[in-house]
Amino acid sequence: MDYVVYDTNIASLALKVEIPATLTARLLGAVPVVSFVTVGELRKWAELRSWGARRRGVLDGWLHDRPVIDSTVEVSNI
């Protein structure tokens, strides 16, 4: 199984279902993964933009389905 780490900008596009077709084709079949930083940035964005319950629910649902890379010494040494 192949994994690909979505940076915050790609995760944001994925949430809005706006990833360009050329990139979607390259990501096909890979499992999207996000870092703990991306989770924090997306949640902070939702807070700063005063997202309502529905949009926050979509974000939480999207994040729930993604593996998250946590902060560890091993991760920082990669």
C-alpha atoms as a PDB file:
ATOM      1  CA  MET A   1       0.000   0.000   0.000  1.00  0.00           C
ATOM      2  CA  ASP A   2       1.344   3.420  -0.959  1.00  0.00           C
ATOM      3  CA  TYR A   3       0.940   6.428   1.309  1.00  0.00           C
ATOM      4  CA  VAL A   4       1.163  10.100   0.406  1.00  0.00           C
ATOM      5  CA  VAL A   5       1.405  12.974   2.888  1.00  0.00           C
ATOM      6  CA  TYR A   6      -1.015  15.788   2.126  1.00  0.00           C
ATOM      7  CA  ASP A   7       0.359  19.203   3.022  1.00  0.00           C
ATOM      8  CA  THR A   8      -2.218  21.653   4.364  1.00  0.00           C
ATOM      9  CA  ASN A   9      -2.895  23.246   0.984  1.00  0.00           C
ATOM     10  CA  ILE A  10      -3.611  19.872  -0.648  1.00  0.00           C
ATOM     11  CA  ALA A  11      -5.717  18.760   2.322  1.00  0.00           C
ATOM     12  CA  SER A  12      -7.719  21.982   1.973  1.00  0.00           C
ATOM     13  CA  LEU A  13      -8.266  21.326  -1.733  1.00  0.00           C
ATOM     14  CA  ALA A  14      -9.290  17.741  -0.966  1.00  0.00           C
ATOM     15  CA  LEU A  15     -11.851  18.962   1.569  1.00  0.00           C
ATOM     16  CA  LYS A  16     -13.338  21.258  -1.074  1.00  0.00           C
ATOM     17  CA  VAL A  17     -13.067  18.506  -3.721  1.00  0.00           C
ATOM     18  CA  GLU A  18     -10.915  20.865  -5.807  1.00  0.00           C
ATOM     19  CA  ILE A  19      -7.708  18.905  -6.352  1.00  0.00           C
ATOM     20  CA  PRO A  20      -6.723  19.443 -10.008  1.00  0.00           C
ATOM     21  CA  ALA A  21      -7.359  16.456 -12.276  1.00  0.00           C
ATOM     22  CA  THR A  22      -3.672  16.057 -13.105  1.00  0.00           C
ATOM     23  CA  LEU A  23      -2.783  15.775  -9.410  1.00  0.00           C
ATOM     24  CA  THR A  24      -5.760  13.519  -8.693  1.00  0.00           C
ATOM     25  CA  ALA A  25      -4.479  11.117 -11.350  1.00  0.00           C
ATOM     26  CA  ARG A  26      -1.055  10.995  -9.669  1.00  0.00           C
ATOM     27  CA  LEU A  27      -2.587  10.384  -6.221  1.00  0.00           C
ATOM     28  CA  LEU A  28      -4.920   7.619  -7.381  1.00  0.00           C
ATOM     29  CA  GLY A  29      -4.542   4.487  -5.294  1.00  0.00           C
ATOM     30  CA  ALA A  30      -2.434   6.108  -2.568  1.00  0.00           C
ATOM     31  CA  VAL A  31      -3.652   6.445   1.008  1.00  0.00           C
ATOM     32  CA  PRO A  32      -3.674  10.120   2.068  1.00  0.00           C
ATOM     33  CA  VAL A  33      -1.944  10.886   5.365  1.00  0.00           C
ATOM     34  CA  VAL A  34      -1.736  14.225   7.202  1.00  0.00           C
ATOM     35  CA  SER A  35       0.655  15.494   9.835  1.00  0.00           C
ATOM     36  CA  PHE A  36      -0.405  16.753  13.241  1.00  0.00           C
ATOM     37  CA  VAL A  37       0.586  20.229  12.011  1.00  0.00           C
ATOM     38  CA  THR A  38      -1.906  20.041   9.134  1.00  0.00           C
ATOM     39  CA  VAL A  39      -4.643  18.959  11.543  1.00  0.00           C
ATOM     40  CA  GLY A  40      -3.889  21.984  13.719  1.00  0.00           C
ATOM     41  CA  GLU A  41      -3.765  24.376  10.782  1.00  0.00           C
ATOM     42  CA  LEU A  42      -7.076  23.152   9.359  1.00  0.00           C
ATOM     43  CA  ARG A  43      -8.824  23.373  12.724  1.00  0.00           C
ATOM     44  CA  LYS A  44      -7.360  26.823  13.393  1.00  0.00           C
ATOM     45  CA  TRP A  45      -8.526  27.990   9.947  1.00  0.00           C
ATOM     46  CA  ALA A  46     -12.048  26.760  10.748  1.00  0.00           C
ATOM     47  CA  GLU A  47     -11.972  28.668  14.033  1.00  0.00           C
ATOM     48  CA  LEU A  48     -10.619  31.891  12.523  1.00  0.00           C
ATOM     49  CA  ARG A  49     -13.179  31.753   9.701  1.00  0.00           C
ATOM     50  CA  SER A  50     -16.028  30.988  12.127  1.00  0.00           C
ATOM     51  CA  TRP A  51     -17.103  27.825  10.355  1.00  0.00           C
ATOM     52  CA  GLY A  52     -20.497  26.559  11.391  1.00  0.00           C
ATOM     53  CA  ALA A  53     -21.319  23.123  12.742  1.00  0.00           C
ATOM     54  CA  ARG A  54     -21.940  21.617   9.294  1.00  0.00           C
ATOM     55  CA  ARG A  55     -18.570  22.660   7.828  1.00  0.00           C
ATOM     56  CA  ARG A  56     -16.722  21.665  11.010  1.00  0.00           C
ATOM     57  CA  GLY A  57     -18.487  18.306  10.818  1.00  0.00           C
ATOM     58  CA  VAL A  58     -17.234  17.840   7.265  1.00  0.00           C
ATOM     59  CA  LEU A  59     -13.695  18.691   8.399  1.00  0.00           C
ATOM     60  CA  ASP A  60     -13.884  16.349  11.388  1.00  0.00           C
ATOM     61  CA  GLY A  61     -15.260  13.555   9.206  1.00  0.00           C
ATOM     62  CA  TRP A  62     -12.535  14.051   6.624  1.00  0.00           C
ATOM     63  CA  LEU A  63      -9.823  14.062   9.295  1.00  0.00           C
ATOM     64  CA  HIS A  64     -11.310  11.014  11.022  1.00  0.00           C
ATOM     65  CA  ASP A  65     -10.710   8.939   7.901  1.00  0.00           C
ATOM     66  CA  ARG A  66      -7.029   9.959   7.575  1.00  0.00           C
ATOM     67  CA  PRO A  67      -4.024   8.549   9.395  1.00  0.00           C
ATOM     68  CA  VAL A  68      -2.191  11.310  11.272  1.00  0.00           C
ATOM     69  CA  ILE A  69       1.576  11.472  11.670  1.00  0.00           C
ATOM     70  CA  ASP A  70       2.240  12.496  15.260  1.00  0.00           C
ATOM     71  CA  SER A  71       5.251  14.373  16.545  1.00  0.00           C
ATOM     72  CA  THR A  72       8.096  12.115  17.631  1.00  0.00           C
ATOM     73  CA  VAL A  73      11.857  12.335  17.700  1.00  0.00           C
ATOM     74  CA  GLU A  74      11.980   9.629  15.017  1.00  0.00           C
ATOM     75  CA  VAL A  75       9.732  11.626  12.694  1.00  0.00           C
ATOM     76  CA  SER A  76      11.891  14.744  13.119  1.00  0.00           C
ATOM     77  CA  ASN A  77      15.003  12.787  12.113  1.00  0.00           C
ATOM     78  CA  ILE A  78      13.615  11.606   8.776  1.00  0.00           C
END
